[in-house]
Amino acid sequence: MKIKDKVVLITGGTKGIGKVTADLLSSKGMKVYVTTRKEENVKDNILLLDVTNEELVNQCVNEVIKREGRIDVLVNNAAYGLCGPIVDSTTEEIKELFDTNFFGPHRMIEAVYPIMKKQGYGKIINVSSYAGRLAVPFQGVYSAAKAALSIYSDSLRMEIVSDGIDVCTIEPGDTKTDFHSSRTYTKGFENNENAKRAIEKMHRDEQSGSNPKAVAKKILKAIKSRRSNPRYIVGLQVILVTVVRHIFPRKFQQFLLRKYYGLK
């Protein structure tokens, strides 16, 4: 199938990495659908979706099938962050984050898998994070969810390749978007000086991070590949993290991270 003929569904595609990716894929002639949680924003190729709501997941997928007859590519991009001490994170907060960042992609895959299997082809791209490779202090719950998504993707890739479906993961480092605006915070995090320093450092890194176009280009590369790589990393920061993980013992890695984030 030619690139320009592909039908793509991107979750959370109205801003940030999702929007930049949608714009790039559309410029290549693909038919791209993005999603929003706000009903008032629904129009044309913007569909209503909350990845924590199974009924809305099925409605969204069925709407694309109704219009196009198929889904060639699913990009699981919808996510948000939770910052603050893990010990101050409530079980409910952790469940809510995993519901969006981990179970959300699973619900989408559960809905599109039978369609792609029947087609005999398809590509599933899960947007994870470098935080899933190296635990980030005061962002531990988010890191855990992204680590889970990456491992899940690796396993799924091996399981459904015989159905003609390709699965891969995109792991960006800090990216210059407004992702920080959708973050939630544990109660009272501002009373923890270490947490405040670490979170301020995260925000600064994001504002000086990679252009989201770099992530979009990796997603395009994965779509173009007949058989994608299992994981794609984006940004010099992730390359450095990968090197550190392979060279230094974990104890020293954590020493470096504490210094990097100004922890005392």
Protein backbone atom coordinates (compact mmCIF):
# COMPACT_ATOMS: atom_id res chain seq x y z
CA MET A 1 0.00 0.00 0.00
CA LYS A 2 1.26 3.47 -0.86
CA ILE A 3 1.94 5.85 2.00
CA LYS A 4 -0.64 8.34 0.72
CA ASP A 5 -3.37 5.69 0.91
CA LYS A 6 -2.91 4.83 4.59
CA VAL A 7 -5.60 5.51 7.21
CA VAL A 8 -4.12 6.60 10.53
CA LEU A 9 -5.73 7.04 13.95
CA ILE A 10 -3.79 9.08 16.53
CA THR A 11 -5.02 9.34 20.11
CA GLY A 12 -4.53 12.70 21.75
CA GLY A 13 -3.63 14.33 18.46
CA THR A 14 -4.92 17.89 18.91
CA LYS A 15 -1.73 19.33 20.44
CA GLY A 16 1.92 18.59 21.11
CA ILE A 17 3.53 15.53 19.56
CA GLY A 18 0.16 14.21 18.37
CA LYS A 19 -0.71 17.34 16.40
CA VAL A 20 2.74 17.72 14.86
CA THR A 21 2.63 14.06 13.85
CA ALA A 22 -0.86 14.43 12.37
CA ASP A 23 0.27 17.44 10.35
CA LEU A 24 3.33 15.62 9.02
CA LEU A 25 1.43 12.47 8.07
CA SER A 26 -1.33 14.51 6.44
CA SER A 27 1.29 16.36 4.38
CA LYS A 28 2.37 12.97 3.02
CA GLY A 29 -1.18 12.32 1.82
CA MET A 30 -2.35 10.01 4.58
CA LYS A 31 -5.90 10.16 5.88
CA VAL A 32 -5.37 11.07 9.52
CA TYR A 33 -7.90 11.04 12.36
CA VAL A 34 -7.04 12.56 15.73
CA THR A 35 -8.99 12.54 18.98
CA THR A 36 -10.19 14.92 21.66
CA ARG A 37 -11.85 14.52 25.05
CA LYS A 38 -13.82 17.74 24.56
CA GLU A 39 -17.07 17.31 22.69
CA GLU A 40 -17.06 20.92 21.52
CA ASN A 41 -13.80 20.29 19.61
CA VAL A 42 -15.23 17.44 17.53
CA LYS A 43 -15.27 18.20 13.79
CA ASP A 44 -14.20 16.67 10.48
CA ASN A 45 -11.21 14.45 11.32
CA ILE A 46 -11.27 15.19 15.08
CA LEU A 47 -13.17 12.44 16.89
CA LEU A 48 -14.41 12.22 20.46
CA LEU A 49 -12.40 9.83 22.62
CA ASP A 50 -11.50 9.17 26.21
CA VAL A 51 -9.14 6.20 26.28
CA THR A 52 -10.35 5.31 29.78
CA ASN A 53 -13.89 4.80 28.46
CA GLU A 54 -14.32 1.51 26.61
CA GLU A 55 -17.60 2.59 25.02
CA LEU A 56 -16.00 5.75 23.57
CA VAL A 57 -13.00 3.72 22.39
CA ASN A 58 -15.27 1.41 20.40
CA GLN A 59 -17.33 4.31 19.07
CA CYS A 60 -14.20 6.10 17.87
CA VAL A 61 -12.76 3.04 16.13
CA ASN A 62 -16.13 2.18 14.58
CA GLU A 63 -16.48 5.74 13.26
CA VAL A 64 -13.17 5.47 11.40
CA ILE A 65 -14.21 2.10 9.98
CA LYS A 66 -17.58 3.55 8.95
CA ARG A 67 -15.86 6.36 7.05
CA GLU A 68 -12.79 4.59 5.65
CA GLY A 69 -13.46 0.87 5.87
CA ARG A 70 -10.13 0.16 7.55
CA ILE A 71 -7.44 1.36 9.97
CA ASP A 72 -3.87 0.89 8.76
CA VAL A 73 -1.98 2.61 11.56
CA LEU A 74 -2.80 3.22 15.23
CA VAL A 75 -0.61 5.71 17.13
CA ASN A 76 -1.21 5.50 20.88
CA ASN A 77 -0.12 8.95 21.98
CA ALA A 78 -2.62 10.07 24.66
CA ALA A 79 -0.96 10.41 28.07
CA TYR A 80 -0.38 12.71 31.00
CA GLY A 81 2.16 13.03 33.82
CA LEU A 82 1.98 12.78 37.60
CA CYS A 83 4.72 14.47 39.62
CA GLY A 84 5.57 14.34 43.29
CA PRO A 85 6.85 11.89 45.91
CA ILE A 86 5.66 8.34 45.34
CA VAL A 87 4.89 8.01 49.04
CA ASP A 88 2.45 10.92 48.73
CA SER A 89 0.74 9.47 45.64
CA THR A 90 -2.61 7.96 46.46
CA THR A 91 -3.58 4.58 45.08
CA GLU A 92 -6.39 6.32 43.21
CA GLU A 93 -3.95 8.76 41.54
CA ILE A 94 -1.73 5.88 40.46
CA LYS A 95 -4.70 3.92 39.10
CA GLU A 96 -5.92 6.95 37.15
CA LEU A 97 -2.54 7.50 35.52
CA PHE A 98 -2.18 3.85 34.56
CA ASP A 99 -5.76 3.88 33.28
CA THR A 100 -4.80 6.52 30.70
CA ASN A 101 -1.12 5.82 30.05
CA PHE A 102 -1.15 2.00 30.04
CA PHE A 103 -4.67 0.59 29.94
CA GLY A 104 -5.70 3.31 27.46
CA PRO A 105 -3.35 1.99 24.76
CA HIS A 106 -4.47 -1.54 25.57
CA ARG A 107 -8.14 -0.62 25.07
CA MET A 108 -7.30 0.92 21.71
CA ILE A 109 -5.31 -2.15 20.65
CA GLU A 110 -8.09 -4.44 21.85
CA ALA A 111 -10.48 -2.52 19.57
CA VAL A 112 -8.30 -2.35 16.43
CA TYR A 113 -6.64 -5.76 16.61
CA PRO A 114 -9.59 -7.76 15.18
CA ILE A 115 -9.85 -5.22 12.34
CA MET A 116 -6.15 -5.38 11.50
CA LYS A 117 -6.12 -9.17 11.77
CA LYS A 118 -9.00 -9.41 9.33
CA GLN A 119 -7.20 -7.00 6.98
CA GLY A 120 -4.06 -9.12 7.25
CA TYR A 121 -1.94 -6.04 7.96
CA GLY A 122 -1.58 -3.09 10.28
CA LYS A 123 0.87 -1.11 12.34
CA ILE A 124 0.59 -0.21 16.04
CA ILE A 125 2.90 2.54 17.33
CA ASN A 126 2.98 3.18 21.07
CA VAL A 127 4.50 6.46 22.23
CA SER A 128 6.43 5.73 25.41
CA SER A 129 9.27 7.78 26.94
CA TYR A 130 12.93 7.67 27.90
CA ALA A 131 11.55 7.81 31.46
CA GLY A 132 10.52 4.21 30.90
CA ARG A 133 14.19 3.27 30.51
CA LEU A 134 15.60 5.15 33.47
CA ALA A 135 13.58 5.94 36.57
CA VAL A 136 13.12 9.69 37.07
CA PRO A 137 12.84 10.90 40.69
CA PHE A 138 9.49 12.43 41.60
CA GLN A 139 8.06 11.13 38.34
CA GLY A 140 8.18 7.49 39.36
CA VAL A 141 4.56 6.60 38.63
CA TYR A 142 4.78 8.03 35.11
CA SER A 143 8.10 6.24 34.57
CA ALA A 144 6.56 2.97 35.74
CA ALA A 145 3.61 3.30 33.35
CA LYS A 146 5.90 4.05 30.40
CA ALA A 147 8.21 1.16 31.28
CA ALA A 148 5.18 -1.13 31.39
CA LEU A 149 4.00 0.14 28.00
CA SER A 150 7.39 -0.48 26.39
CA ILE A 151 7.65 -4.06 27.69
CA TYR A 152 4.00 -4.69 26.75
CA SER A 153 4.79 -3.49 23.22
CA ASP A 154 7.85 -5.74 22.90
CA SER A 155 5.78 -8.79 23.88
CA LEU A 156 2.82 -7.84 21.68
CA ARG A 157 5.16 -7.39 18.71
CA MET A 158 6.30 -11.02 18.96
CA GLU A 159 2.78 -12.33 19.52
CA ILE A 160 0.93 -10.79 16.56
CA VAL A 161 3.57 -10.51 13.84
CA SER A 162 2.13 -13.71 12.32
CA ASP A 163 -1.17 -11.82 11.85
CA GLY A 164 0.62 -9.32 9.62
CA ILE A 165 0.61 -6.63 12.33
CA ASP A 166 3.76 -4.69 13.15
CA VAL A 167 4.23 -3.18 16.64
CA CYS A 168 6.85 -0.69 17.78
CA THR A 169 7.55 1.87 20.48
CA ILE A 170 8.71 5.48 20.20
CA GLU A 171 10.75 6.67 23.19
CA PRO A 172 11.29 10.44 23.13
CA GLY A 173 13.41 12.36 25.58
CA ASP A 174 12.45 15.85 26.72
CA THR A 175 10.39 17.43 23.97
CA LYS A 176 9.44 21.08 23.63
CA THR A 177 5.65 20.89 23.98
CA ASP A 178 3.07 22.00 26.52
CA PHE A 179 2.98 18.53 28.10
CA HIS A 180 3.78 20.07 31.49
CA SER A 181 0.47 21.96 31.40
CA SER A 182 -1.49 18.70 31.66
CA ARG A 183 0.57 17.27 34.52
CA THR A 184 -1.05 16.54 37.85
CA TYR A 185 0.76 16.78 41.17
CA THR A 186 0.61 14.89 44.41
CA LYS A 187 -0.91 16.76 47.32
CA GLY A 188 1.61 18.84 49.22
CA PHE A 189 4.50 18.24 46.79
CA GLU A 190 5.40 21.94 47.10
CA ASN A 191 6.44 21.28 50.71
CA ASN A 192 9.13 18.86 49.55
CA GLU A 193 12.22 20.85 48.49
CA ASN A 194 13.75 17.93 46.57
CA ALA A 195 10.52 17.42 44.64
CA LYS A 196 10.27 21.13 43.81
CA ARG A 197 13.85 21.23 42.49
CA ALA A 198 13.40 18.08 40.43
CA ILE A 199 10.11 19.21 38.90
CA GLU A 200 11.48 22.66 38.06
CA LYS A 201 14.42 20.95 36.33
CA MET A 202 11.98 18.76 34.35
CA HIS A 203 10.10 21.83 33.15
CA ARG A 204 13.31 23.60 32.09
CA ASP A 205 14.53 20.51 30.25
CA GLU A 206 11.25 20.23 28.36
CA GLN A 207 11.33 23.86 27.28
CA SER A 208 14.83 23.35 25.86
CA GLY A 209 14.09 19.85 24.59
CA SER A 210 13.88 18.38 21.11
CA ASN A 211 11.52 19.74 18.51
CA PRO A 212 8.39 17.54 18.39
CA LYS A 213 8.98 17.25 14.63
CA ALA A 214 11.86 14.89 15.48
CA VAL A 215 9.37 12.54 17.16
CA ALA A 216 6.92 12.88 14.26
CA LYS A 217 9.68 11.96 11.81
CA LYS A 218 10.46 8.79 13.78
CA ILE A 219 6.79 7.85 13.67
CA LEU A 220 6.77 8.45 9.91
CA LYS A 221 9.90 6.30 9.57
CA ALA A 222 8.21 3.49 11.49
CA ILE A 223 5.14 3.73 9.25
CA LYS A 224 7.26 3.63 6.09
CA SER A 225 9.23 0.60 7.31
CA ARG A 226 7.92 -2.71 6.08
CA ARG A 227 9.14 -4.15 9.38
CA SER A 228 9.89 -1.51 11.98
CA ASN A 229 12.49 -1.60 14.73
CA PRO A 230 11.05 -2.70 18.09
CA ARG A 231 11.95 0.66 19.66
CA TYR A 232 12.94 4.08 18.34
CA ILE A 233 14.69 6.59 20.58
CA VAL A 234 14.47 10.32 19.92
CA GLY A 235 16.92 12.97 21.09
CA LEU A 236 20.52 13.20 22.24
CA GLN A 237 19.37 12.93 25.85
CA VAL A 238 17.99 9.43 25.28
CA ILE A 239 21.20 8.35 23.54
CA LEU A 240 23.18 9.50 26.58
CA VAL A 241 20.75 7.76 28.94
CA THR A 242 21.14 4.54 26.95
CA VAL A 243 24.93 4.76 27.12
CA VAL A 244 24.87 5.46 30.87
CA ARG A 245 22.58 2.48 31.47
CA HIS A 246 24.91 0.11 29.66
CA ILE A 247 28.20 1.39 31.07
CA PHE A 248 27.56 2.23 34.71
CA PRO A 249 26.08 0.14 37.53
CA ARG A 250 22.62 1.14 38.73
CA LYS A 251 23.94 2.56 41.99
CA PHE A 252 26.10 5.05 40.10
CA GLN A 253 23.28 5.83 37.67
CA GLN A 254 21.09 6.86 40.58
CA PHE A 255 23.94 8.95 42.06
CA LEU A 256 24.18 10.82 38.75
CA LEU A 257 20.42 11.33 38.60
CA ARG A 258 20.30 12.73 42.11
CA LYS A 259 23.03 15.21 41.20
CA TYR A 260 21.36 16.08 37.90
CA TYR A 261 18.06 16.91 39.58
CA GLY A 262 19.70 18.74 42.49
CA LEU A 263 18.51 16.34 45.20
CA LYS A 264 19.95 16.59 48.68
